[in-house]
């Protein structure tokens, strides 16, 4: 199936989920979900994956649920989780490495009626990744490298930004005398940009736009991949 963009019904279908967020309603509209969301999502993974593999030959692009695609049902059992059973935005991930996909350096995007968000890196660190990141940036040259990567991305003046710091106290092994020590305060390391969600309806333009953004953000993706290789299992 060739990717031609998401149909105009995709965003309107997500609006319907907002108004009817229950499993009974979704079960009766599953075929609409497959036509508007699931099938074009699979085609998008194949098409975008081929482009990304020109940048990173070992990137994972698998058009399956729990691989590059996410389940439409939300896990409401987790403490603090959103209790609405159906997700109101659609995410897609292309990850590099053998770690869990959310703990691997990735190219990511999600869309909803409110936004199209494009991101690169690792959005939040679980403990193995957090430990690896902190150990990696104890090296002065690695902190300097990351500082320049983030500065270069932001200085492209294309509306790119990155996650806010998540901690207030420096972790063990870091202190205020170290250059760029604030990098140790992050709970994740990713850069992102938000776009008009209607872009998803133009297949060629969506692929072209995302490829340009991912290419700009590639240095951070590769940096975080190097971090992931140092995770102690």
Protein backbone atom coordinates (compact mmCIF):
# COMPACT_ATOMS: atom_id res chain seq x y z
CA UNK A 1 0.00 0.00 0.00
CA UNK A 2 1.56 3.26 -1.16
CA UNK A 3 1.44 6.11 1.35
CA UNK A 4 -0.60 9.01 -0.02
CA UNK A 5 -1.19 10.83 3.23
CA UNK A 6 -3.83 10.34 5.88
CA UNK A 7 -7.43 10.89 4.74
CA UNK A 8 -9.26 14.01 5.88
CA UNK A 9 -11.36 11.74 8.07
CA UNK A 10 -8.34 10.93 10.29
CA UNK A 11 -8.44 14.12 12.37
CA UNK A 12 -12.24 14.16 12.46
CA UNK A 13 -12.19 10.56 13.71
CA UNK A 14 -9.88 11.57 16.58
CA UNK A 15 -12.32 14.36 17.43
CA UNK A 16 -15.08 11.76 17.60
CA UNK A 17 -12.99 9.72 20.04
CA UNK A 18 -12.80 12.76 22.32
CA UNK A 19 -16.58 12.93 22.41
CA UNK A 20 -17.11 9.16 22.66
CA UNK A 21 -14.12 7.84 24.60
CA UNK A 22 -15.31 4.39 25.53
CA UNK A 23 -14.59 0.89 24.28
CA UNK A 24 -18.18 0.20 23.26
CA UNK A 25 -18.27 3.16 20.86
CA UNK A 26 -14.86 2.31 19.46
CA UNK A 27 -15.81 -1.32 18.85
CA UNK A 28 -18.68 -0.22 16.60
CA UNK A 29 -16.39 2.18 14.69
CA UNK A 30 -13.33 -0.07 14.36
CA UNK A 31 -13.53 -0.28 10.58
CA UNK A 32 -13.52 3.53 10.41
CA UNK A 33 -10.38 3.52 12.58
CA UNK A 34 -8.68 1.02 10.29
CA UNK A 35 -9.45 3.03 7.14
CA UNK A 36 -8.68 6.49 8.54
CA UNK A 37 -5.80 5.71 10.91
CA UNK A 38 -4.35 2.20 11.04
CA UNK A 39 -3.88 1.35 7.36
CA UNK A 40 -2.35 4.72 6.38
CA UNK A 41 -0.16 4.55 9.52
CA UNK A 42 1.29 1.27 8.31
CA UNK A 43 1.92 2.72 4.85
CA UNK A 44 3.55 5.78 6.45
CA UNK A 45 5.96 3.60 8.47
CA UNK A 46 7.08 1.81 5.33
CA UNK A 47 7.56 5.02 3.31
CA UNK A 48 9.14 7.11 6.09
CA UNK A 49 11.25 4.15 7.19
CA UNK A 50 12.82 3.85 3.74
CA UNK A 51 13.76 7.53 3.85
CA UNK A 52 15.15 7.35 7.38
CA UNK A 53 17.28 4.34 6.52
CA UNK A 54 19.13 6.64 4.12
CA UNK A 55 20.16 8.61 7.23
CA UNK A 56 20.54 5.70 9.64
CA UNK A 57 20.71 2.30 7.91
CA UNK A 58 20.07 0.39 11.15
CA UNK A 59 16.91 2.27 12.15
CA UNK A 60 13.94 0.05 13.02
CA UNK A 61 10.81 0.71 10.95
CA UNK A 62 8.25 -2.02 11.57
CA UNK A 63 4.61 -1.31 10.57
CA UNK A 64 3.16 -3.37 13.42
CA UNK A 65 1.37 -2.59 16.68
CA UNK A 66 3.84 -2.46 19.61
CA UNK A 67 6.66 -1.88 17.12
CA UNK A 68 6.61 1.38 15.14
CA UNK A 69 2.88 1.71 15.86
CA UNK A 70 1.20 2.11 19.23
CA UNK A 71 -1.91 0.42 20.56
CA UNK A 72 -5.00 2.60 20.31
CA UNK A 73 -6.08 1.37 23.74
CA UNK A 74 -4.47 3.16 26.66
CA UNK A 75 -3.04 1.26 29.64
CA UNK A 76 -5.18 2.74 32.40
CA UNK A 77 -3.82 0.44 35.12
CA UNK A 78 -0.67 2.47 35.77
CA UNK A 79 -0.73 4.87 38.69
CA UNK A 80 -1.40 8.40 37.50
CA UNK A 81 -2.28 7.23 33.98
CA UNK A 82 -4.94 8.96 31.92
CA UNK A 83 -8.08 6.92 32.60
CA UNK A 84 -9.67 7.50 29.19
CA UNK A 85 -9.49 4.05 27.52
CA UNK A 86 -8.88 5.21 23.93
CA UNK A 87 -5.94 7.34 22.84
CA UNK A 88 -6.85 10.63 21.23
CA UNK A 89 -3.54 11.07 19.42
CA UNK A 90 -1.64 8.71 17.14
CA UNK A 91 2.07 8.08 17.64
CA UNK A 92 4.71 6.51 15.39
CA UNK A 93 8.29 5.67 16.39
CA UNK A 94 11.43 4.63 14.49
CA UNK A 95 14.08 3.50 16.95
CA UNK A 96 17.71 2.47 16.76
CA UNK A 97 19.22 -0.30 18.82
CA UNK A 98 18.08 -3.33 20.78
CA UNK A 99 16.77 -1.56 23.87
CA UNK A 100 13.07 -1.04 24.49
CA UNK A 101 11.79 1.25 21.77
CA UNK A 102 11.01 4.08 24.22
CA UNK A 103 14.48 3.76 25.76
CA UNK A 104 16.30 3.75 22.43
CA UNK A 105 17.28 6.84 20.50
CA UNK A 106 14.44 7.40 18.08
CA UNK A 107 12.72 9.47 15.44
CA UNK A 108 9.18 10.05 16.65
CA UNK A 109 6.00 11.81 15.63
CA UNK A 110 2.43 12.03 16.86
CA UNK A 111 -0.65 13.82 15.64
CA UNK A 112 -3.97 14.88 17.08
CA UNK A 113 -6.55 17.47 16.03
CA UNK A 114 -4.49 20.02 17.99
CA UNK A 115 -0.95 19.40 16.71
CA UNK A 116 1.57 17.40 14.75
CA UNK A 117 4.62 16.93 16.95
CA UNK A 118 7.97 15.73 15.57
CA UNK A 119 10.79 14.69 17.92
CA UNK A 120 14.17 13.00 18.13
CA UNK A 121 16.02 11.44 21.07
CA UNK A 122 14.67 9.80 24.24
CA UNK A 123 11.66 11.53 25.76
CA UNK A 124 12.19 10.26 29.30
CA UNK A 125 14.81 8.11 30.98
CA UNK A 126 14.10 4.93 32.87
CA UNK A 127 16.82 4.17 35.41
CA UNK A 128 19.22 2.20 33.15
CA UNK A 129 19.14 4.95 30.53
CA UNK A 130 19.35 7.71 33.16
CA UNK A 131 22.42 6.07 34.71
CA UNK A 132 24.03 5.61 31.29
CA UNK A 133 23.34 9.23 30.32
CA UNK A 134 24.80 10.63 33.53
CA UNK A 135 27.87 8.43 33.31
CA UNK A 136 28.37 9.42 29.67
CA UNK A 137 28.24 13.16 30.32
CA UNK A 138 30.65 13.02 33.25
CA UNK A 139 33.24 13.38 30.50
CA UNK A 140 33.84 17.11 29.94
CA UNK A 141 34.16 16.65 26.18
CA UNK A 142 30.85 14.78 25.97
CA UNK A 143 29.03 17.56 27.82
CA UNK A 144 30.63 20.09 25.51
CA UNK A 145 29.55 18.07 22.48
CA UNK A 146 25.95 17.81 23.68
CA UNK A 147 25.83 21.52 24.51
CA UNK A 148 26.92 22.37 20.96
CA UNK A 149 24.45 19.91 19.40
CA UNK A 150 21.53 21.49 21.27
CA UNK A 151 22.75 25.00 20.48
CA UNK A 152 23.17 24.23 16.78
CA UNK A 153 19.67 22.74 16.54
CA UNK A 154 18.12 25.74 18.28
CA UNK A 155 20.15 28.20 16.20
CA UNK A 156 18.68 26.86 12.97
CA UNK A 157 15.78 29.26 13.71
CA UNK A 158 13.21 26.72 12.55
CA UNK A 159 11.21 26.56 15.75
CA UNK A 160 13.06 23.62 17.24
CA UNK A 161 13.19 23.33 21.01
CA UNK A 162 14.13 20.68 23.55
CA UNK A 163 12.85 19.25 26.80
CA UNK A 164 13.00 21.28 29.99
CA UNK A 165 15.22 20.24 32.88
CA UNK A 166 13.46 17.87 35.28
CA UNK A 167 15.65 17.87 38.39
CA UNK A 168 16.75 20.69 40.69
CA UNK A 169 19.76 19.12 42.40
CA UNK A 170 22.90 17.95 40.67
CA UNK A 171 23.29 14.16 40.86
CA UNK A 172 26.28 12.52 42.51
CA UNK A 173 29.46 13.18 40.57
CA UNK A 174 28.38 16.63 39.31
CA UNK A 175 28.85 20.09 40.80
CA UNK A 176 28.45 23.74 39.89
CA UNK A 177 32.11 24.12 38.86
CA UNK A 178 31.68 21.81 35.86
CA UNK A 179 31.02 23.27 32.43
CA UNK A 180 27.44 22.81 31.16
CA UNK A 181 26.61 20.92 34.37
CA UNK A 182 22.89 21.73 33.90
CA UNK A 183 22.79 18.90 31.36
CA UNK A 184 22.86 16.51 34.33
CA UNK A 185 19.43 17.79 35.43
CA UNK A 186 17.47 16.35 32.51
CA UNK A 187 14.98 13.50 32.85
CA UNK A 188 15.06 12.92 29.10
CA UNK A 189 16.98 14.29 26.16
CA UNK A 190 14.98 15.10 23.05
CA UNK A 191 14.37 17.94 20.66
CA UNK A 192 11.06 18.60 18.97
CA UNK A 193 8.90 20.84 16.81
CA UNK A 194 5.13 21.26 16.52
CA UNK A 195 3.39 21.68 13.18
CA UNK A 196 -0.11 22.10 11.73
CA UNK A 197 -1.79 18.66 12.02
CA UNK A 198 -3.41 19.06 8.59
CA UNK A 199 0.03 18.40 7.12
CA UNK A 200 -0.67 14.68 7.56
CA UNK A 201 -3.18 14.87 4.69
CA UNK A 202 -0.48 15.60 2.07
CA UNK A 203 1.68 12.49 1.87
CA UNK A 204 4.56 13.87 -0.17
CA UNK A 205 4.79 17.10 1.81
CA UNK A 206 4.60 15.23 5.14
CA UNK A 207 7.46 12.90 4.22
CA UNK A 208 9.56 15.78 2.84
CA UNK A 209 8.96 18.00 5.88
CA UNK A 210 9.67 15.28 8.43
CA UNK A 211 12.79 14.16 6.59
CA UNK A 212 14.19 17.71 6.68
CA UNK A 213 13.46 18.00 10.41
CA UNK A 214 14.91 14.58 11.21
CA UNK A 215 18.02 15.41 9.19
CA UNK A 216 18.48 18.63 11.16
CA UNK A 217 18.03 16.74 14.44
CA UNK A 218 20.19 13.75 13.44
CA UNK A 219 23.24 14.77 15.54
CA UNK A 220 21.17 14.49 18.74
CA UNK A 221 19.67 11.18 17.65
CA UNK A 222 23.14 9.76 17.03
CA UNK A 223 24.49 11.17 20.29
CA UNK A 224 21.72 9.50 22.28
CA UNK A 225 22.28 6.26 20.39
CA UNK A 226 25.88 6.32 21.58
CA UNK A 227 24.61 6.83 25.13
CA UNK A 228 22.27 3.84 24.77
CA UNK A 229 25.17 1.60 23.76
CA UNK A 230 26.71 2.16 27.21
CA UNK A 231 23.69 0.91 29.17
CA UNK A 232 24.73 -1.71 31.69
CA UNK A 233 22.35 -4.65 31.51
